[in-house]
Amino acid sequence: MLSEFVLPGLIAVFMGISAIVVALGYKIGFLEHIYSGFTTWFVTSLLSIFVLREIAQKLLPGDISYNTISEDADAYGSIVEVIEDVRITDTNGRIKFRGTTWQATTSADLIPAGNKAKIVSRDNLAWIVEPFEESPLNQIEAALNK
C-alpha cells in the first residue's frame, strides 16, 4: 500500500486492503488453504478495484484542467507584411507570417505589396486579412498583441 505514493491511482491501496482481508480470514480461521487465500484475495481485489475505486474517485476528485489550443486564435490580430498583392477575388496574394509566406485574401478591394495587414480570420489554408494603417492607437495594439 506504500507504493501508492509512487504509483498513484488507488489500485495498490485496494490490493493491500484485499491482502489485509485475507490475513484476517486466516487469523479468524475462515481460510485454511493457500488456494482459498489466493481466491479470496483475487476476488476482493477485483471487487474493491471496480466498486470502491469509483466511489473513492467521486469523493476525492483529482485536479484536472483542459486547455484548448488554437494557433489560429493566437494569430488573429497579428500585423503582417504583404508580399504579393492581396485581392478580394482570389487567394493568390501572399503575406509573411511567422517566418514564412502564406496565401491570403481580403474583404477590401486590394492591399498592395509592401503594405501592412492585420489577420482577421482563416479560410482553410488562406489567411483573411484587412488593411492596416499606422496610427498611435494601432501601434499600441500591435505591441500588446506581440
Protein backbone atom coordinates (compact mmCIF):
# COMPACT_ATOMS: atom_id res chain seq x y z
CA MET A 1 0.00 0.00 0.00
CA LEU A 2 3.02 2.28 0.46
CA SER A 3 3.77 2.01 -3.26
CA GLU A 4 0.70 4.21 -3.80
CA PHE A 5 2.91 7.22 -3.09
CA VAL A 6 4.95 6.31 -6.18
CA LEU A 7 2.18 4.88 -8.38
CA PRO A 8 -0.99 6.90 -7.72
CA GLY A 9 -4.39 5.61 -8.77
CA LEU A 10 -5.63 3.78 -5.64
CA ILE A 11 -5.12 0.33 -7.18
CA ALA A 12 -2.26 -0.62 -4.83
CA VAL A 13 -4.33 0.52 -1.84
CA PHE A 14 -7.24 -1.74 -2.77
CA MET A 15 -4.93 -4.69 -3.40
CA GLY A 16 -3.39 -4.06 0.03
CA ILE A 17 -6.83 -3.93 1.63
CA SER A 18 -7.59 -7.27 0.00
CA ALA A 19 -4.38 -8.70 1.48
CA ILE A 20 -5.46 -7.47 4.93
CA VAL A 21 -8.86 -9.14 4.44
CA VAL A 22 -7.10 -12.42 3.57
CA ALA A 23 -4.82 -12.11 6.62
CA LEU A 24 -7.85 -11.56 8.85
CA GLY A 25 -9.53 -14.57 7.21
CA TYR A 26 -6.55 -16.74 8.16
CA LYS A 27 -6.42 -15.29 11.68
CA ILE A 28 -10.14 -15.92 12.32
CA GLY A 29 -9.94 -19.40 10.83
CA PHE A 30 -12.28 -18.69 7.93
CA LEU A 31 -9.49 -19.50 5.44
CA GLU A 32 -7.34 -22.62 5.81
CA HIS A 33 -5.68 -23.41 2.47
CA ILE A 34 -3.43 -21.31 0.29
CA TYR A 35 -5.80 -21.74 -2.68
CA SER A 36 -8.71 -20.25 -0.77
CA GLY A 37 -6.44 -17.37 0.30
CA PHE A 38 -5.41 -16.59 -3.28
CA THR A 39 -9.01 -16.87 -4.49
CA THR A 40 -10.27 -14.59 -1.73
CA TRP A 41 -7.53 -12.06 -2.41
CA PHE A 42 -8.23 -12.15 -6.16
CA VAL A 43 -12.00 -11.72 -5.78
CA THR A 44 -11.79 -8.99 -3.12
CA SER A 45 -9.14 -7.14 -5.17
CA LEU A 46 -11.33 -7.12 -8.26
CA LEU A 47 -14.43 -6.08 -6.33
CA SER A 48 -12.66 -3.31 -4.47
CA ILE A 49 -10.96 -2.00 -7.61
CA PHE A 50 -14.16 -1.90 -9.65
CA VAL A 51 -16.59 -0.82 -6.92
CA LEU A 52 -14.70 1.10 -4.23
CA ARG A 53 -12.35 2.84 -6.66
CA GLU A 54 -15.28 4.50 -8.44
CA ILE A 55 -16.65 5.70 -5.10
CA ALA A 56 -13.25 6.98 -3.99
CA GLN A 57 -12.71 8.86 -7.26
CA LYS A 58 -16.04 10.63 -6.85
CA LEU A 59 -15.25 11.57 -3.26
CA LEU A 60 -11.63 12.58 -3.98
CA PRO A 61 -11.57 14.16 -7.44
CA GLY A 62 -8.17 14.97 -8.88
CA ASP A 63 -7.03 18.29 -10.30
CA ILE A 64 -7.90 18.20 -13.99
CA SER A 65 -7.63 21.13 -16.33
CA TYR A 66 -8.17 21.30 -20.05
CA ASN A 67 -6.55 23.95 -22.21
CA THR A 68 -7.83 24.50 -25.69
CA ILE A 69 -5.02 25.10 -28.10
CA SER A 70 -5.86 27.16 -31.13
CA GLU A 71 -2.98 28.54 -33.12
CA ASP A 72 -5.47 30.41 -35.27
CA ALA A 73 -6.89 32.28 -32.28
CA ASP A 74 -3.36 33.35 -31.31
CA ALA A 75 -2.79 34.65 -34.84
CA TYR A 76 -5.91 36.83 -35.01
CA GLY A 77 -5.00 40.50 -34.75
CA SER A 78 -1.37 39.94 -35.78
CA ILE A 79 0.16 42.54 -38.07
CA VAL A 80 1.81 41.01 -41.13
CA GLU A 81 3.68 42.23 -44.20
CA VAL A 82 2.03 41.86 -47.61
CA ILE A 83 4.49 40.16 -50.00
CA GLU A 84 2.24 39.93 -53.09
CA ASP A 85 -0.90 41.98 -53.77
CA VAL A 86 -3.88 40.65 -51.80
CA ARG A 87 -7.26 40.86 -53.54
CA ILE A 88 -10.82 40.02 -52.68
CA THR A 89 -11.31 37.83 -55.75
CA ASP A 90 -8.65 35.14 -55.19
CA THR A 91 -6.13 33.65 -52.78
CA ASN A 92 -3.08 34.36 -54.93
CA GLY A 93 -1.93 37.12 -52.57
CA ARG A 94 0.84 36.30 -50.07
CA ILE A 95 1.67 37.57 -46.62
CA LYS A 96 4.70 36.96 -44.44
CA PHE A 97 3.71 35.48 -41.10
CA ARG A 98 5.75 33.50 -38.55
CA GLY A 99 8.81 33.33 -40.75
CA THR A 100 7.14 32.02 -43.91
CA THR A 101 4.72 33.18 -46.60
CA TRP A 102 1.06 32.25 -46.67
CA GLN A 103 -1.81 32.59 -49.11
CA ALA A 104 -4.11 35.46 -48.25
CA THR A 105 -7.34 37.08 -49.31
CA THR A 106 -9.17 40.17 -48.09
CA SER A 107 -12.59 41.71 -47.78
CA ALA A 108 -11.16 45.02 -49.05
CA ASP A 109 -10.61 45.60 -52.77
CA LEU A 110 -6.80 45.49 -52.73
CA ILE A 111 -3.90 45.52 -50.31
CA PRO A 112 -0.74 46.26 -52.33
CA ALA A 113 2.58 44.52 -51.74
CA GLY A 114 4.77 46.26 -49.19
CA ASN A 115 1.85 47.39 -47.03
CA LYS A 116 0.92 46.05 -43.62
CA ALA A 117 -2.20 43.97 -43.00
CA LYS A 118 -3.99 42.62 -39.94
CA ILE A 119 -5.08 38.98 -39.74
CA VAL A 120 -8.83 38.73 -39.19
CA SER A 121 -9.58 35.03 -39.67
CA ARG A 122 -8.66 31.95 -41.67
CA ASP A 123 -10.33 30.16 -44.56
CA ASN A 124 -8.77 26.70 -44.96
CA LEU A 125 -5.12 27.44 -45.84
CA ALA A 126 -5.57 31.12 -46.69
CA TRP A 127 -5.49 33.88 -44.11
CA ILE A 128 -8.13 36.59 -44.38
CA VAL A 129 -6.56 40.00 -43.76
CA GLU A 130 -7.67 43.61 -43.73
CA PRO A 131 -5.63 46.74 -44.43
CA PHE A 132 -3.65 48.09 -41.51
CA GLU A 133 -2.89 51.78 -41.24
CA GLU A 134 -0.24 53.06 -38.86
CA SER A 135 -1.66 55.17 -36.06
CA PRO A 136 -0.64 55.64 -32.44
CA LEU A 137 -3.58 53.51 -31.29
CA ASN A 138 -2.70 50.72 -33.76
CA GLN A 139 0.94 50.78 -32.64
CA ILE A 140 -0.14 50.27 -29.03
CA GLU A 141 -2.48 47.46 -30.07
CA ALA A 142 0.26 45.79 -32.14
CA ALA A 143 2.65 46.00 -29.20
CA LEU A 144 0.08 44.36 -26.91
CA ASN A 145 -0.56 41.50 -29.38
CA LYS A 146 3.13 40.51 -29.53
